[in-house]
Protein backbone atom coordinates (compact mmCIF):
# COMPACT_ATOMS: atom_id res chain seq x y z
CA MET A 1 8.88 -16.15 -2.88
CA ARG A 2 11.38 -15.18 -0.17
CA LYS A 3 11.02 -16.62 3.39
CA ALA A 4 8.90 -14.85 5.40
CA LEU A 5 8.31 -15.05 9.04
CA VAL A 6 4.84 -16.57 9.70
CA ALA A 7 2.73 -16.52 12.56
CA VAL A 8 -0.83 -17.72 13.05
CA LEU A 9 -3.35 -15.49 14.84
CA VAL A 10 -5.65 -17.81 16.72
CA VAL A 11 -8.94 -16.04 16.74
CA ILE A 12 -11.41 -18.75 16.14
CA ALA A 13 -15.15 -18.92 16.32
CA ALA A 14 -15.78 -22.65 16.75
CA ALA A 15 -18.98 -24.15 17.80
CA VAL A 16 -20.80 -27.35 17.17
CA GLY A 17 -23.68 -26.59 14.68
CA PHE A 18 -26.09 -29.44 13.74
CA ALA A 19 -25.38 -32.89 15.25
CA GLY A 20 -22.60 -34.65 13.56
CA GLU A 21 -20.88 -31.40 12.50
CA VAL A 22 -18.19 -29.03 13.64
CA SER A 23 -17.60 -25.67 12.02
CA VAL A 24 -14.31 -23.72 12.55
CA SER A 25 -12.85 -20.43 11.37
CA GLY A 26 -9.24 -20.06 11.12
CA GLN A 27 -6.97 -17.49 10.08
CA GLY A 28 -3.50 -16.92 8.91
CA VAL A 29 -1.21 -14.37 9.03
CA VAL A 30 1.92 -13.50 6.94
CA ARG A 31 4.58 -11.09 7.94
CA VAL A 32 7.12 -10.28 5.00
CA GLN A 33 9.36 -7.49 4.65
CA PRO A 34 8.60 -4.87 1.68
CA ASP A 35 10.66 -5.05 -1.48
CA LYS A 36 9.16 -2.01 -3.00
CA MET A 37 9.50 1.50 -2.42
CA LYS A 38 6.88 4.00 -4.04
CA ILE A 39 7.21 7.74 -4.12
CA THR A 40 3.98 9.63 -5.18
CA PHE A 41 3.38 13.40 -5.62
CA SER A 42 2.12 15.97 -7.97
CA VAL A 43 3.35 18.85 -9.84
CA TYR A 44 1.00 21.75 -10.53
CA ALA A 45 0.99 25.53 -11.56
CA ALA A 46 -1.65 28.03 -11.52
CA ASP A 47 -2.08 31.50 -12.73
CA ARG A 48 -5.21 33.72 -13.66
CA ALA A 49 -4.26 33.19 -17.54
CA MET A 50 -4.37 29.39 -19.03
CA ALA A 51 -1.12 30.21 -21.13
CA GLU A 52 1.05 31.32 -17.96
CA ALA A 53 -0.62 28.52 -15.79
CA ARG A 54 0.90 26.00 -18.65
CA ARG A 55 4.05 27.55 -18.84
CA LEU A 56 5.00 27.46 -15.27
CA PHE A 57 3.72 23.86 -15.31
CA ASP A 58 5.83 23.09 -18.22
CA GLU A 59 8.88 24.94 -16.60
CA ARG A 60 8.56 22.66 -13.37
CA THR A 61 8.26 19.42 -15.24
CA PHE A 62 11.30 20.20 -17.07
CA ALA A 63 12.97 20.61 -13.68
CA LEU A 64 11.80 17.50 -12.48
CA SER A 65 12.95 15.81 -15.60
CA LYS A 66 16.35 16.95 -14.87
CA VAL A 67 16.38 15.81 -11.40
CA PHE A 68 15.33 12.18 -12.58
CA GLU A 69 18.18 12.15 -15.05
CA SER A 70 20.44 13.44 -12.84
CA LEU A 71 19.97 10.32 -10.38
CA GLY A 72 19.44 7.68 -13.21
CA VAL A 73 15.50 7.28 -12.77
CA ALA A 74 14.71 4.86 -15.74
CA THR A 75 11.41 5.75 -17.58
CA ASN A 76 9.68 2.49 -16.73
CA GLU A 77 10.30 3.55 -12.81
CA VAL A 78 7.87 6.60 -13.29
CA VAL A 79 4.22 6.25 -14.17
CA THR A 80 2.25 9.58 -14.66
CA SER A 81 -1.57 10.35 -14.43
CA GLY A 82 -1.97 12.37 -17.58
CA ILE A 83 -1.92 16.50 -17.56
CA TYR A 84 -5.03 17.64 -15.98
CA GLY A 85 -6.16 21.58 -16.52
CA ARG A 86 -9.28 23.13 -14.99
CA ALA A 87 -10.51 26.72 -13.90
CA GLU A 88 -10.96 27.38 -10.29
CA TYR A 89 -13.32 29.52 -8.32
CA ASP A 90 -13.70 31.12 -4.80
CA TYR A 91 -16.89 32.14 -3.18
CA GLU A 92 -17.46 35.65 -1.83
CA ASN A 93 -20.63 36.77 -0.39
CA GLY A 94 -22.27 33.46 -1.53
CA LYS A 95 -21.14 33.96 -5.33
CA ARG A 96 -18.71 32.12 -7.31
CA VAL A 97 -15.75 34.03 -8.36
CA PHE A 98 -13.28 33.19 -11.25
CA SER A 99 -9.84 32.60 -9.40
CA GLY A 100 -7.74 31.23 -12.31
CA TYR A 101 -6.48 28.29 -13.69
CA ARG A 102 -4.69 25.17 -12.48
CA VAL A 103 -2.81 22.70 -14.48
CA ASP A 104 -1.28 19.48 -12.63
CA GLU A 105 -0.09 16.09 -12.93
CA GLY A 106 0.47 12.80 -10.79
CA TYR A 107 3.42 11.16 -10.53
CA THR A 108 4.31 7.61 -9.17
CA PHE A 109 7.81 6.28 -8.90
CA SER A 110 8.41 2.57 -7.83
CA ALA A 111 11.62 0.67 -7.39
CA LYS A 112 13.05 -2.02 -5.64
CA VAL A 113 13.84 -1.08 -1.86
CA ASP A 114 17.07 0.91 -1.80
CA ARG A 115 17.47 3.24 1.53
CA ALA A 116 20.27 5.50 -0.10
CA ARG A 117 18.84 5.77 -3.44
CA LEU A 118 15.34 6.69 -1.95
CA ALA A 119 16.93 9.29 0.57
CA LYS A 120 18.58 10.92 -2.54
CA LEU A 121 15.65 11.13 -4.73
CA THR A 122 13.59 12.67 -1.88
CA ALA A 123 15.55 15.11 -1.07
CA ALA A 124 16.17 16.10 -4.80
CA ILE A 125 12.75 16.39 -5.60
CA LEU A 126 11.64 18.39 -2.51
CA ASP A 127 14.89 20.92 -2.98
CA SER A 128 13.95 21.34 -6.76
CA GLY A 129 10.91 23.48 -5.40
CA VAL A 130 8.54 21.91 -8.13
CA VAL A 131 6.60 20.00 -5.56
CA ASP A 132 5.32 21.00 -1.61
CA GLU A 133 4.66 17.57 -0.55
CA LEU A 134 5.37 13.74 -1.49
CA ASN A 135 4.40 10.58 -0.16
CA VAL A 136 6.71 7.64 0.45
CA SER A 137 5.21 3.86 0.92
CA PHE A 138 6.86 0.32 1.28
CA GLU A 139 5.17 -2.29 -0.48
CA LEU A 140 5.24 -5.79 -2.08
CA PHE A 141 5.82 -6.48 -5.76
CA ASP A 142 3.89 -9.70 -5.38
CA GLU A 143 1.06 -9.23 -3.09
CA VAL A 144 -0.39 -12.66 -4.59
CA ALA A 145 2.18 -15.07 -3.40
CA ALA A 146 1.69 -13.39 0.38
CA LYS A 147 -1.87 -13.83 0.15
CA ASN A 148 -1.81 -17.53 -1.03
CA GLU A 149 0.84 -18.13 1.89
CA ALA A 150 -1.58 -16.74 4.32
CA ARG A 151 -4.78 -18.56 2.85
CA VAL A 152 -2.67 -21.76 3.28
CA LYS A 153 -1.98 -20.88 7.11
CA ALA A 154 -5.85 -20.12 7.77
CA VAL A 155 -6.63 -23.56 6.26
CA GLN A 156 -4.08 -25.30 8.66
CA ASN A 157 -5.20 -23.35 11.30
CA ALA A 158 -8.63 -24.15 11.03
CA LYS A 159 -7.72 -28.14 10.58
CA GLU A 160 -5.45 -27.69 14.04
CA ILE A 161 -8.36 -26.25 15.78
CA ALA A 162 -11.15 -28.74 14.55
CA SER A 163 -8.84 -31.54 15.52
CA SER A 164 -8.35 -30.23 18.98
CA LEU A 165 -11.82 -30.00 19.38
CA ALA A 166 -12.69 -33.43 18.34
CA GLU A 167 -10.27 -34.84 20.46
CA ALA A 168 -11.59 -32.94 23.50
CA ALA A 169 -15.13 -34.07 22.65
CA GLY A 170 -14.23 -37.56 22.30
CA VAL A 171 -14.82 -37.95 18.34
CA ARG A 172 -13.16 -37.88 15.11
CA LEU A 173 -13.23 -35.70 12.11
CA GLY A 174 -14.68 -36.76 8.95
CA ARG A 175 -15.05 -35.58 5.58
CA ILE A 176 -15.24 -31.80 4.78
CA GLU A 177 -18.81 -30.70 4.30
CA LEU A 178 -18.10 -27.21 3.27
CA ILE A 179 -15.42 -24.50 2.67
CA GLU A 180 -16.69 -20.84 2.79
CA TYR A 181 -14.29 -18.22 1.43
CA GLY A 182 -14.38 -14.69 0.70
CA THR A 183 -17.77 -14.14 2.69
CA SER A 184 -16.02 -12.37 5.51
CA GLY A 185 -12.86 -11.42 3.74
CA GLY A 186 -9.30 -11.43 4.66
CA GLY A 187 -7.53 -8.79 5.76
CA MET A 188 -5.59 -6.29 2.86
CA PRO A 189 -2.06 -6.05 3.20
CA ARG A 190 -0.95 -3.19 5.62
CA TYR A 191 1.91 -0.84 4.12
CA ALA A 192 4.47 1.47 5.99
CA ASN A 193 4.12 5.26 4.48
CA PHE A 194 4.83 8.74 5.60
CA ALA A 195 4.53 11.93 3.92
CA MET A 196 7.64 14.62 3.61
CA LYS A 197 7.05 18.34 3.32
CA SER A 198 9.28 20.73 1.72
CA MET A 199 10.86 23.57 4.03
CA GLY A 200 12.57 25.71 1.85
CA ALA A 201 16.03 25.16 -0.44
CA GLY A 202 18.69 23.39 1.52
CA ASP A 203 16.68 22.01 4.03
CA PHE A 204 16.50 18.64 2.96
CA GLU A 205 19.85 16.57 2.13
CA ALA A 206 20.38 12.76 1.56
CA GLU A 207 21.78 12.48 4.98
CA SER A 208 19.11 14.56 6.66
CA VAL A 209 16.06 12.41 5.33
CA GLN A 210 14.90 10.16 8.30
CA LEU A 211 13.08 7.15 6.94
CA GLY A 212 13.09 5.15 10.00
CA GLU A 213 12.96 1.39 10.10
CA LEU A 214 11.23 -0.72 7.59
CA ARG A 215 8.25 -2.44 9.08
CA ALA A 216 6.91 -5.87 7.98
CA ILE A 217 3.71 -5.91 5.85
CA VAL A 218 0.91 -7.85 7.41
CA VAL A 219 -1.03 -9.78 4.95
CA THR A 220 -4.09 -12.03 6.45
CA ASP A 221 -6.64 -14.41 5.14
CA SER A 222 -9.30 -16.35 6.89
CA VAL A 223 -11.46 -19.48 5.83
CA ASN A 224 -14.65 -21.17 7.55
CA ILE A 225 -14.55 -24.98 7.27
CA LYS A 226 -17.25 -27.43 8.53
CA TRP A 227 -16.38 -31.02 8.99
CA LYS A 228 -18.41 -34.24 9.55
CA ILE A 229 -17.72 -35.71 13.09
CA ARG A 230 -18.01 -39.52 13.96
């Protein structure tokens, strides 16, 4: 795993419990630059006739496939949720009234972070007119490695605090009596994300899509450890 900027957040709840024991809660915080970019959106069509709704939907998904083809999007970079069709209803004077059929499908594009490529792809998708809105997020390909690193930092943090408490109290740490993990849980990774909306053909060009600075993803974990003291 690439080198990450690591900080330890000292939010400690430490107290002497039963005689001859000290219990400490430690927390580890890891900040990692995202390496995965993700675009999510849906393609849909609606009409009072199911056949027409499906025709419009097929027309839009074909247009989207041409966008992907023109920008060199690989098949393994896109996952779809599958086509879903349903009847829709409105309510008038308390009565349910049929309004038509809707066909839609969700798309998720994932790839290594490439700011120039992301700008071109988001602009092309929105400019194609097949979607009204899309969401962009920056994530990690390997969340487990970051979580493991935060867990190690949490244990180190707990040990440092316990040693400091023991020294201040004029005692020494003995063996570990208990390790509690997962009861209160560690923090989930916090991802940077935002939404973009289409405002008409030509409004979005690659150079006009402002993606902002990539923020580090924060991954935390915590552990409670009890030591004997002597």
